[in-house]
């Protein structure tokens, strides 16, 4: 069972899902790019003893879009998370993030160490950097061209549900079941098709990335005990920037599990077992 909730964001209301036990330890969860809060529902079902609060980031799922003229800049998501945690009036919490959400959670934990006591990162460890871009100038041009196109915002209709599912399957290493979990929240079915709720402006590339040096210097500020779950066939295990980032976090436990980038959706029991062992172990030490 879960409840729909509304939270305060930086530029508008954020939708979310509350699941698990209200008496359990609070886990605030941040999903990946073009995903939504349903990303964490299989984990919440596997670990019902925790209090799961899962956010739809702006422009994702059922949350409000950024205002006209705004872009979905990485740093602004930190402001959204800050507003959410202040509205919850929690002194400290555990942040759980996947991919983009893992980057947001890691940077936030470094910026506000007194607000985060534990950190769970799933196939993500900090934001993309210049190392991940072949040409910064072409990236800048592409991003600004996107703005110049004046893309329309608003839901988009796909006449075929099957076509929409297959399009998402083609985008990455993810199971059909996982795709349908995300699309069930991120769309509204209409006849044989569906209305996609996410803002098309999310597809704009960032104008500029941080440098690896900047990211590493930020990650060194993380004081929270951290669990990094890397998927064997995920996105970061072979990335050239990953090891330096791992060594930058002073109290990090690293686990490698079988699966792809959306391992928490495809193999939730494996990921849930690692999370429980980490959180319960920390509770015993405190």
Foldseek 3Di string as FASTA:
>chain_A
DKDWDWFDFDAFIWIKIKAADPPAAEEEEEEAQQFAQLLCVVLCVLVRNHIYIGIGQALHFPTHHHDPPDADDLVRSLRGVVRRLVVVVDQEHEYEYAASGLQSQLLNCLVCVRHYAEYEYEAYFHDDAVLVPPDLVVLLVQLVVVVVVSDDWFWDKDQACVVVLVVVVVVDFDDSQSSCSRCVRQWDDDVRIIIGRGTPSSPRGDSHGHHLVVRLVSSLSRPHAYEYEHEPAEDPPPDPSPVSNQVSHDHYDYHYDYDYSSCCRVPVNVVSVVVCVVVVVVVVVD
